[in-house]
Amino acid sequence: KLLLTLIGLGKASECADIAYASTMNGLAPYGERIDAL
């Protein structure tokens, strides 16, 4: 969660694929997918 939050707050665009993969991962927990989104 911390790393996903830092990606968004820091606008670390080179980590966008990380956030996208977590958002679209049906096996990931609810909170992680929302943080990634």
PDB file of all heavy atoms in Angstrom:
ATOM      1  N   LYS A   1       0.836  -1.206   0.000  1.00  0.00           N
ATOM      2  CA  LYS A   1       0.000   0.000   0.000  1.00  0.00           C
ATOM      3  C   LYS A   1       0.870   1.254   0.000  1.00  0.00           C
ATOM      4  O   LYS A   1       0.583   2.213  -0.739  1.00  0.00           O
ATOM      5  CB  LYS A   1      -0.909  -0.003   1.230  1.00  0.00           C
ATOM      6  CG  LYS A   1      -1.752   1.260   1.403  1.00  0.00           C
ATOM      7  CD  LYS A   1      -2.558   1.205   2.682  1.00  0.00           C
ATOM      8  CE  LYS A   1      -3.380   2.462   2.864  1.00  0.00           C
ATOM      9  NZ  LYS A   1      -4.445   2.613   1.851  1.00  0.00           N
ATOM     10  N   LEU A   2       1.917   1.260   0.824  1.00  0.00           N
ATOM     11  CA  LEU A   2       2.798   2.423   0.887  1.00  0.00           C
ATOM     12  C   LEU A   2       3.429   2.701  -0.470  1.00  0.00           C
ATOM     13  O   LEU A   2       3.456   3.853  -0.923  1.00  0.00           O
ATOM     14  CB  LEU A   2       3.884   2.200   1.937  1.00  0.00           C
ATOM     15  CG  LEU A   2       4.987   3.270   1.993  1.00  0.00           C
ATOM     16  CD1 LEU A   2       4.409   4.618   2.405  1.00  0.00           C
ATOM     17  CD2 LEU A   2       6.104   2.859   2.949  1.00  0.00           C
ATOM     18  N   LEU A   3       3.927   1.673  -1.125  1.00  0.00           N
ATOM     19  CA  LEU A   3       4.582   1.876  -2.416  1.00  0.00           C
ATOM     20  C   LEU A   3       3.595   2.373  -3.467  1.00  0.00           C
ATOM     21  O   LEU A   3       3.915   3.271  -4.259  1.00  0.00           O
ATOM     22  CB  LEU A   3       5.248   0.578  -2.875  1.00  0.00           C
ATOM     23  CG  LEU A   3       6.425   0.087  -2.009  1.00  0.00           C
ATOM     24  CD1 LEU A   3       7.012  -1.191  -2.591  1.00  0.00           C
ATOM     25  CD2 LEU A   3       7.505   1.156  -1.876  1.00  0.00           C
ATOM     26  N   LEU A   4       2.389   1.812  -3.488  1.00  0.00           N
ATOM     27  CA  LEU A   4       1.379   2.286  -4.440  1.00  0.00           C
ATOM     28  C   LEU A   4       1.008   3.740  -4.155  1.00  0.00           C
ATOM     29  O   LEU A   4       0.819   4.539  -5.079  1.00  0.00           O
ATOM     30  CB  LEU A   4       0.133   1.396  -4.376  1.00  0.00           C
ATOM     31  CG  LEU A   4       0.288  -0.009  -4.961  1.00  0.00           C
ATOM     32  CD1 LEU A   4      -0.905  -0.873  -4.583  1.00  0.00           C
ATOM     33  CD2 LEU A   4       0.454   0.035  -6.478  1.00  0.00           C
ATOM     34  N   THR A   5       0.923   4.083  -2.868  1.00  0.00           N
ATOM     35  CA  THR A   5       0.612   5.464  -2.497  1.00  0.00           C
ATOM     36  C   THR A   5       1.723   6.410  -2.938  1.00  0.00           C
ATOM     37  O   THR A   5       1.452   7.508  -3.457  1.00  0.00           O
ATOM     38  CB  THR A   5       0.406   5.570  -0.981  1.00  0.00           C
ATOM     39  OG1 THR A   5      -0.646   4.693  -0.578  1.00  0.00           O
ATOM     40  CG2 THR A   5       0.040   6.991  -0.582  1.00  0.00           C
ATOM     41  N   LEU A   6       2.971   6.004  -2.762  1.00  0.00           N
ATOM     42  CA  LEU A   6       4.099   6.843  -3.176  1.00  0.00           C
ATOM     43  C   LEU A   6       4.131   7.024  -4.692  1.00  0.00           C
ATOM     44  O   LEU A   6       4.525   8.080  -5.185  1.00  0.00           O
ATOM     45  CB  LEU A   6       5.415   6.228  -2.694  1.00  0.00           C
ATOM     46  CG  LEU A   6       5.653   6.231  -1.179  1.00  0.00           C
ATOM     47  CD1 LEU A   6       6.977   5.540  -0.849  1.00  0.00           C
ATOM     48  CD2 LEU A   6       5.638   7.652  -0.618  1.00  0.00           C
ATOM     49  N   ILE A   7       3.707   6.001  -5.427  1.00  0.00           N
ATOM     50  CA  ILE A   7       3.642   6.121  -6.892  1.00  0.00           C
ATOM     51  C   ILE A   7       2.686   7.243  -7.272  1.00  0.00           C
ATOM     52  O   ILE A   7       2.989   8.090  -8.126  1.00  0.00           O
ATOM     53  CB  ILE A   7       3.195   4.785  -7.525  1.00  0.00           C
ATOM     54  CG1 ILE A   7       4.297   3.738  -7.396  1.00  0.00           C
ATOM     55  CG2 ILE A   7       2.833   4.991  -9.005  1.00  0.00           C
ATOM     56  CD1 ILE A   7       3.858   2.335  -7.803  1.00  0.00           C
ATOM     57  N   GLY A   8       1.516   7.268  -6.639  1.00  0.00           N
ATOM     58  CA  GLY A   8       0.539   8.295  -6.959  1.00  0.00           C
ATOM     59  C   GLY A   8       0.936   9.668  -6.463  1.00  0.00           C
ATOM     60  O   GLY A   8       0.899  10.653  -7.215  1.00  0.00           O
ATOM     61  N   LEU A   9       1.351   9.760  -5.208  1.00  0.00           N
ATOM     62  CA  LEU A   9       1.713  11.062  -4.632  1.00  0.00           C
ATOM     63  C   LEU A   9       2.915  11.673  -5.330  1.00  0.00           C
ATOM     64  O   LEU A   9       2.979  12.890  -5.532  1.00  0.00           O
ATOM     65  CB  LEU A   9       2.008  10.906  -3.136  1.00  0.00           C
ATOM     66  CG  LEU A   9       0.836  10.545  -2.230  1.00  0.00           C
ATOM     67  CD1 LEU A   9       1.310  10.346  -0.797  1.00  0.00           C
ATOM     68  CD2 LEU A   9      -0.239  11.622  -2.284  1.00  0.00           C
ATOM     69  N   GLY A  10       3.881  10.822  -5.678  1.00  0.00           N
ATOM     70  CA  GLY A  10       5.081  11.321  -6.339  1.00  0.00           C
ATOM     71  C   GLY A  10       4.958  11.425  -7.837  1.00  0.00           C
ATOM     72  O   GLY A  10       5.882  11.891  -8.510  1.00  0.00           O
ATOM     73  N   LYS A  11       3.800  10.972  -8.371  1.00  0.00           N
ATOM     74  CA  LYS A  11       3.593  10.945  -9.827  1.00  0.00           C
ATOM     75  C   LYS A  11       4.769  10.260 -10.522  1.00  0.00           C
ATOM     76  O   LYS A  11       5.351  10.785 -11.486  1.00  0.00           O
ATOM     77  CB  LYS A  11       3.365  12.350 -10.372  1.00  0.00           C
ATOM     78  CG  LYS A  11       2.136  13.026  -9.780  1.00  0.00           C
ATOM     79  CD  LYS A  11       1.757  14.283 -10.498  1.00  0.00           C
ATOM     80  CE  LYS A  11       0.576  14.995  -9.834  1.00  0.00           C
ATOM     81  NZ  LYS A  11      -0.617  14.163  -9.655  1.00  0.00           N
ATOM     82  N   ALA A  12       5.102   9.079  -9.999  1.00  0.00           N
ATOM     83  CA  ALA A  12       6.207   8.280 -10.548  1.00  0.00           C
ATOM     84  C   ALA A  12       5.698   7.512 -11.757  1.00  0.00           C
ATOM     85  O   ALA A  12       5.313   6.338 -11.673  1.00  0.00           O
ATOM     86  CB  ALA A  12       6.746   7.326  -9.478  1.00  0.00           C
ATOM     87  N   SER A  13       5.680   8.176 -12.907  1.00  0.00           N
ATOM     88  CA  SER A  13       5.041   7.625 -14.096  1.00  0.00           C
ATOM     89  C   SER A  13       5.690   6.330 -14.582  1.00  0.00           C
ATOM     90  O   SER A  13       5.014   5.504 -15.208  1.00  0.00           O
ATOM     91  CB  SER A  13       5.048   8.662 -15.224  1.00  0.00           C
ATOM     92  OG  SER A  13       6.365   9.100 -15.495  1.00  0.00           O
ATOM     93  N   GLU A  14       6.970   6.129 -14.303  1.00  0.00           N
ATOM     94  CA  GLU A  14       7.597   4.892 -14.756  1.00  0.00           C
ATOM     95  C   GLU A  14       7.119   3.680 -13.964  1.00  0.00           C
ATOM     96  O   GLU A  14       7.419   2.545 -14.326  1.00  0.00           O
ATOM     97  CB  GLU A  14       9.111   4.991 -14.673  1.00  0.00           C
ATOM     98  CG  GLU A  14       9.673   5.229 -13.286  1.00  0.00           C
ATOM     99  CD  GLU A  14      11.131   5.648 -13.358  1.00  0.00           C
ATOM    100  OE1 GLU A  14      11.972   4.772 -13.583  1.00  0.00           O
ATOM    101  OE2 GLU A  14      11.404   6.852 -13.210  1.00  0.00           O
ATOM    102  N   CYS A  15       6.357   3.914 -12.903  1.00  0.00           N
ATOM    103  CA  CYS A  15       5.763   2.816 -12.130  1.00  0.00           C
ATOM    104  C   CYS A  15       4.295   2.610 -12.486  1.00  0.00           C
ATOM    105  O   CYS A  15       3.588   1.861 -11.797  1.00  0.00           O
ATOM    106  CB  CYS A  15       5.877   3.102 -10.640  1.00  0.00           C
ATOM    107  SG  CYS A  15       7.566   3.159 -10.014  1.00  0.00           S
ATOM    108  N   ALA A  16       3.822   3.251 -13.556  1.00  0.00           N
ATOM    109  CA  ALA A  16       2.408   3.137 -13.914  1.00  0.00           C
ATOM    110  C   ALA A  16       2.003   1.694 -14.189  1.00  0.00           C
ATOM    111  O   ALA A  16       0.881   1.282 -13.875  1.00  0.00           O
ATOM    112  CB  ALA A  16       2.111   4.008 -15.134  1.00  0.00           C
ATOM    113  N   ASP A  17       2.902   0.908 -14.773  1.00  0.00           N
ATOM    114  CA  ASP A  17       2.575  -0.487 -15.066  1.00  0.00           C
ATOM    115  C   ASP A  17       2.333  -1.291 -13.786  1.00  0.00           C
ATOM    116  O   ASP A  17       1.537  -2.239 -13.788  1.00  0.00           O
ATOM    117  CB  ASP A  17       3.693  -1.144 -15.883  1.00  0.00           C
ATOM    118  CG  ASP A  17       3.720  -0.663 -17.323  1.00  0.00           C
ATOM    119  OD1 ASP A  17       2.745  -0.015 -17.747  1.00  0.00           O
ATOM    120  OD2 ASP A  17       4.730  -0.917 -18.013  1.00  0.00           O
ATOM    121  N   ILE A  18       3.025  -0.934 -12.711  1.00  0.00           N
ATOM    122  CA  ILE A  18       2.800  -1.592 -11.423  1.00  0.00           C
ATOM    123  C   ILE A  18       1.372  -1.331 -10.961  1.00  0.00           C
ATOM    124  O   ILE A  18       0.644  -2.251 -10.561  1.00  0.00           O
ATOM    125  CB  ILE A  18       3.807  -1.082 -10.373  1.00  0.00           C
ATOM    126  CG1 ILE A  18       5.222  -1.532 -10.718  1.00  0.00           C
ATOM    127  CG2 ILE A  18       3.415  -1.551  -8.972  1.00  0.00           C
ATOM    128  CD1 ILE A  18       6.287  -0.925  -9.823  1.00  0.00           C
ATOM    129  N   ALA A  19       0.972  -0.067 -10.995  1.00  0.00           N
ATOM    130  CA  ALA A  19      -0.376   0.291 -10.559  1.00  0.00           C
ATOM    131  C   ALA A  19      -1.431  -0.334 -11.462  1.00  0.00           C
ATOM    132  O   ALA A  19      -2.478  -0.805 -10.995  1.00  0.00           O
ATOM    133  CB  ALA A  19      -0.524   1.814 -10.538  1.00  0.00           C
ATOM    134  N   TYR A  20      -1.170  -0.359 -12.761  1.00  0.00           N
ATOM    135  CA  TYR A  20      -2.140  -0.943 -13.686  1.00  0.00           C
ATOM    136  C   TYR A  20      -2.301  -2.441 -13.431  1.00  0.00           C
ATOM    137  O   TYR A  20      -3.429  -2.964 -13.395  1.00  0.00           O
ATOM    138  CB  TYR A  20      -1.696  -0.700 -15.128  1.00  0.00           C
ATOM    139  CG  TYR A  20      -2.597  -1.358 -16.152  1.00  0.00           C
ATOM    140  CD1 TYR A  20      -3.820  -0.786 -16.491  1.00  0.00           C
ATOM    141  CD2 TYR A  20      -2.234  -2.559 -16.770  1.00  0.00           C
ATOM    142  CE1 TYR A  20      -4.662  -1.395 -17.414  1.00  0.00           C
ATOM    143  CE2 TYR A  20      -3.065  -3.164 -17.694  1.00  0.00           C
ATOM    144  CZ  TYR A  20      -4.271  -2.577 -18.007  1.00  0.00           C
ATOM    145  OH  TYR A  20      -5.102  -3.182 -18.920  1.00  0.00           O
ATOM    146  N   ALA A  21      -1.186  -3.134 -13.253  1.00  0.00           N
ATOM    147  CA  ALA A  21      -1.242  -4.583 -13.023  1.00  0.00           C
ATOM    148  C   ALA A  21      -2.011  -4.898 -11.752  1.00  0.00           C
ATOM    149  O   ALA A  21      -2.803  -5.858 -11.710  1.00  0.00           O
ATOM    150  CB  ALA A  21       0.165  -5.160 -12.961  1.00  0.00           C
ATOM    151  N   SER A  22      -1.808  -4.119 -10.699  1.00  0.00           N
ATOM    152  CA  SER A  22      -2.531  -4.353  -9.449  1.00  0.00           C
ATOM    153  C   SER A  22      -4.006  -4.031  -9.597  1.00  0.00           C
ATOM    154  O   SER A  22      -4.870  -4.741  -9.064  1.00  0.00           O
ATOM    155  CB  SER A  22      -1.926  -3.512  -8.318  1.00  0.00           C
ATOM    156  OG  SER A  22      -0.644  -3.975  -7.972  1.00  0.00           O
ATOM    157  N   THR A  23      -4.324  -2.970 -10.320  1.00  0.00           N
ATOM    158  CA  THR A  23      -5.725  -2.602 -10.543  1.00  0.00           C
ATOM    159  C   THR A  23      -6.483  -3.722 -11.243  1.00  0.00           C
ATOM    160  O   THR A  23      -7.630  -4.027 -10.910  1.00  0.00           O
ATOM    161  CB  THR A  23      -5.817  -1.318 -11.383  1.00  0.00           C
ATOM    162  OG1 THR A  23      -5.191  -0.244 -10.680  1.00  0.00           O
ATOM    163  CG2 THR A  23      -7.260  -0.942 -11.661  1.00  0.00           C
ATOM    164  N   MET A  24      -5.847  -4.350 -12.203  1.00  0.00           N
ATOM    165  CA  MET A  24      -6.513  -5.353 -13.031  1.00  0.00           C
ATOM    166  C   MET A  24      -6.295  -6.781 -12.536  1.00  0.00           C
ATOM    167  O   MET A  24      -6.715  -7.735 -13.200  1.00  0.00           O
ATOM    168  CB  MET A  24      -6.011  -5.224 -14.472  1.00  0.00           C
ATOM    169  CG  MET A  24      -6.243  -3.864 -15.101  1.00  0.00           C
ATOM    170  SD  MET A  24      -7.999  -3.416 -15.186  1.00  0.00           S
ATOM    171  CE  MET A  24      -8.511  -4.473 -16.544  1.00  0.00           C
ATOM    172  N   ASN A  25      -5.672  -6.921 -11.386  1.00  0.00           N
ATOM    173  CA  ASN A  25      -5.409  -8.252 -10.832  1.00  0.00           C
ATOM    174  C   ASN A  25      -6.608  -8.717 -10.007  1.00  0.00           C
ATOM    175  O   ASN A  25      -6.823  -8.257  -8.884  1.00  0.00           O
ATOM    176  CB  ASN A  25      -4.145  -8.218  -9.967  1.00  0.00           C
ATOM    177  CG  ASN A  25      -3.812  -9.581  -9.376  1.00  0.00           C
ATOM    178  OD1 ASN A  25      -4.468 -10.589  -9.647  1.00  0.00           O
ATOM    179  ND2 ASN A  25      -2.791  -9.626  -8.540  1.00  0.00           N
ATOM    180  N   GLY A  26      -7.375  -9.639 -10.561  1.00  0.00           N
ATOM    181  CA  GLY A  26      -8.564 -10.113  -9.872  1.00  0.00           C
ATOM    182  C   GLY A  26      -8.275 -10.851  -8.587  1.00  0.00           C
ATOM    183  O   GLY A  26      -9.179 -11.057  -7.763  1.00  0.00           O
ATOM    184  N   LEU A  27      -7.040 -11.276  -8.376  1.00  0.00           N
ATOM    185  CA  LEU A  27      -6.669 -11.993  -7.153  1.00  0.00           C
ATOM    186  C   LEU A  27      -6.152 -11.054  -6.059  1.00  0.00           C
ATOM    187  O   LEU A  27      -5.970 -11.485  -4.915  1.00  0.00           O
ATOM    188  CB  LEU A  27      -5.603 -13.055  -7.468  1.00  0.00           C
ATOM    189  CG  LEU A  27      -6.016 -14.143  -8.465  1.00  0.00           C
ATOM    190  CD1 LEU A  27      -4.854 -15.097  -8.711  1.00  0.00           C
ATOM    191  CD2 LEU A  27      -7.239 -14.908  -7.965  1.00  0.00           C
ATOM    192  N   ALA A  28      -5.905  -9.806  -6.398  1.00  0.00           N
ATOM    193  CA  ALA A  28      -5.402  -8.843  -5.413  1.00  0.00           C
ATOM    194  C   ALA A  28      -6.525  -8.438  -4.473  1.00  0.00           C
ATOM    195  O   ALA A  28      -7.703  -8.404  -4.863  1.00  0.00           O
ATOM    196  CB  ALA A  28      -4.835  -7.619  -6.117  1.00  0.00           C
ATOM    197  N   PRO A  29      -6.195  -8.122  -3.217  1.00  0.00           N
ATOM    198  CA  PRO A  29      -7.241  -7.706  -2.273  1.00  0.00           C
ATOM    199  C   PRO A  29      -7.860  -6.369  -2.661  1.00  0.00           C
ATOM    200  O   PRO A  29      -7.256  -5.568  -3.374  1.00  0.00           O
ATOM    201  CB  PRO A  29      -6.490  -7.618  -0.937  1.00  0.00           C
ATOM    202  CG  PRO A  29      -5.055  -7.478  -1.293  1.00  0.00           C
ATOM    203  CD  PRO A  29      -4.863  -8.203  -2.581  1.00  0.00           C
ATOM    204  N   TYR A  30      -9.059  -6.162  -2.121  1.00  0.00           N
ATOM    205  CA  TYR A  30      -9.833  -4.955  -2.434  1.00  0.00           C
ATOM    206  C   TYR A  30      -9.017  -3.681  -2.219  1.00  0.00           C
ATOM    207  O   TYR A  30      -8.937  -2.821  -3.102  1.00  0.00           O
ATOM    208  CB  TYR A  30     -11.093  -4.944  -1.560  1.00  0.00           C
ATOM    209  CG  TYR A  30     -11.781  -3.608  -1.449  1.00  0.00           C
ATOM    210  CD1 TYR A  30     -12.702  -3.203  -2.410  1.00  0.00           C
ATOM    211  CD2 TYR A  30     -11.514  -2.750  -0.378  1.00  0.00           C
ATOM    212  CE1 TYR A  30     -13.341  -1.978  -2.311  1.00  0.00           C
ATOM    213  CE2 TYR A  30     -12.148  -1.522  -0.274  1.00  0.00           C
ATOM    214  CZ  TYR A  30     -13.059  -1.143  -1.235  1.00  0.00           C
ATOM    215  OH  TYR A  30     -13.680   0.070  -1.143  1.00  0.00           O
ATOM    216  N   GLY A  31      -8.398  -3.550  -1.042  1.00  0.00           N
ATOM    217  CA  GLY A  31      -7.675  -2.323  -0.710  1.00  0.00           C
ATOM    218  C   GLY A  31      -6.534  -2.030  -1.654  1.00  0.00           C
ATOM    219  O   GLY A  31      -6.304  -0.878  -2.037  1.00  0.00           O
ATOM    220  N   GLU A  32      -5.810  -3.078  -2.052  1.00  0.00           N
ATOM    221  CA  GLU A  32      -4.681  -2.875  -2.957  1.00  0.00           C
ATOM    222  C   GLU A  32      -5.156  -2.390  -4.323  1.00  0.00           C
ATOM    223  O   GLU A  32      -4.537  -1.515  -4.930  1.00  0.00           O
ATOM    224  CB  GLU A  32      -3.881  -4.163  -3.108  1.00  0.00           C
ATOM    225  CG  GLU A  32      -2.695  -4.025  -4.048  1.00  0.00           C
ATOM    226  CD  GLU A  32      -1.793  -5.242  -4.069  1.00  0.00           C
ATOM    227  OE1 GLU A  32      -1.452  -5.742  -2.965  1.00  0.00           O
ATOM    228  OE2 GLU A  32      -1.430  -5.688  -5.164  1.00  0.00           O
ATOM    229  N   ARG A  33      -6.250  -2.952  -4.798  1.00  0.00           N
ATOM    230  CA  ARG A  33      -6.747  -2.542  -6.118  1.00  0.00           C
ATOM    231  C   ARG A  33      -7.239  -1.092  -6.103  1.00  0.00           C
ATOM    232  O   ARG A  33      -7.036  -0.357  -7.073  1.00  0.00           O
ATOM    233  CB  ARG A  33      -7.847  -3.500  -6.585  1.00  0.00           C
ATOM    234  CG  ARG A  33      -7.323  -4.916  -6.843  1.00  0.00           C
ATOM    235  CD  ARG A  33      -8.385  -5.822  -7.415  1.00  0.00           C
ATOM    236  NE  ARG A  33      -8.784  -5.412  -8.749  1.00  0.00           N
ATOM    237  CZ  ARG A  33      -9.759  -6.016  -9.439  1.00  0.00           C
ATOM    238  NH1 ARG A  33     -10.432  -7.021  -8.900  1.00  0.00           N
ATOM    239  NH2 ARG A  33     -10.065  -5.602 -10.655  1.00  0.00           N
ATOM    240  N   ILE A  34      -7.856  -0.684  -5.011  1.00  0.00           N
ATOM    241  CA  ILE A  34      -8.294   0.709  -4.906  1.00  0.00           C
ATOM    242  C   ILE A  34      -7.092   1.644  -4.811  1.00  0.00           C
ATOM    243  O   ILE A  34      -7.040   2.690  -5.466  1.00  0.00           O
ATOM    244  CB  ILE A  34      -9.229   0.895  -3.698  1.00  0.00           C
ATOM    245  CG1 ILE A  34     -10.577   0.209  -3.955  1.00  0.00           C
ATOM    246  CG2 ILE A  34      -9.441   2.380  -3.404  1.00  0.00           C
ATOM    247  CD1 ILE A  34     -11.358   0.791  -5.125  1.00  0.00           C
ATOM    248  N   ASP A  35      -6.087   1.278  -4.020  1.00  0.00           N
ATOM    249  CA  ASP A  35      -4.864   2.095  -3.933  1.00  0.00           C
ATOM    250  C   ASP A  35      -4.193   2.220  -5.299  1.00  0.00           C
ATOM    251  O   ASP A  35      -3.703   3.298  -5.665  1.00  0.00           O
ATOM    252  CB  ASP A  35      -3.884   1.473  -2.937  1.00  0.00           C
ATOM    253  CG  ASP A  35      -4.365   1.571  -1.496  1.00  0.00           C
ATOM    254  OD1 ASP A  35      -5.115   2.513  -1.189  1.00  0.00           O
ATOM    255  OD2 ASP A  35      -3.993   0.694  -0.689  1.00  0.00           O
ATOM    256  N   ALA A  36      -4.163   1.121  -6.034  1.00  0.00           N
ATOM    257  CA  ALA A  36      -3.554   1.133  -7.361  1.00  0.00           C
ATOM    258  C   ALA A  36      -4.346   2.012  -8.322  1.00  0.00           C
ATOM    259  O   ALA A  36      -3.776   2.760  -9.125  1.00  0.00           O
ATOM    260  CB  ALA A  36      -3.454  -0.293  -7.897  1.00  0.00           C
ATOM    261  N   LEU A  37      -5.672   1.944  -8.237  1.00  0.00           N
ATOM    262  CA  LEU A  37      -6.521   2.768  -9.093  1.00  0.00           C
ATOM    263  C   LEU A  37      -6.326   4.250  -8.785  1.00  0.00           C
ATOM    264  O   LEU A  37      -6.258   5.084  -9.696  1.00  0.00           O
ATOM    265  CB  LEU A  37      -7.987   2.373  -8.906  1.00  0.00           C
ATOM    266  CG  LEU A  37      -9.009   3.118  -9.766  1.00  0.00           C
ATOM    267  CD1 LEU A  37      -8.754   2.870 -11.247  1.00  0.00           C
ATOM    268  CD2 LEU A  37     -10.426   2.688  -9.387  1.00  0.00           C
TER     269      LEU A  37
END
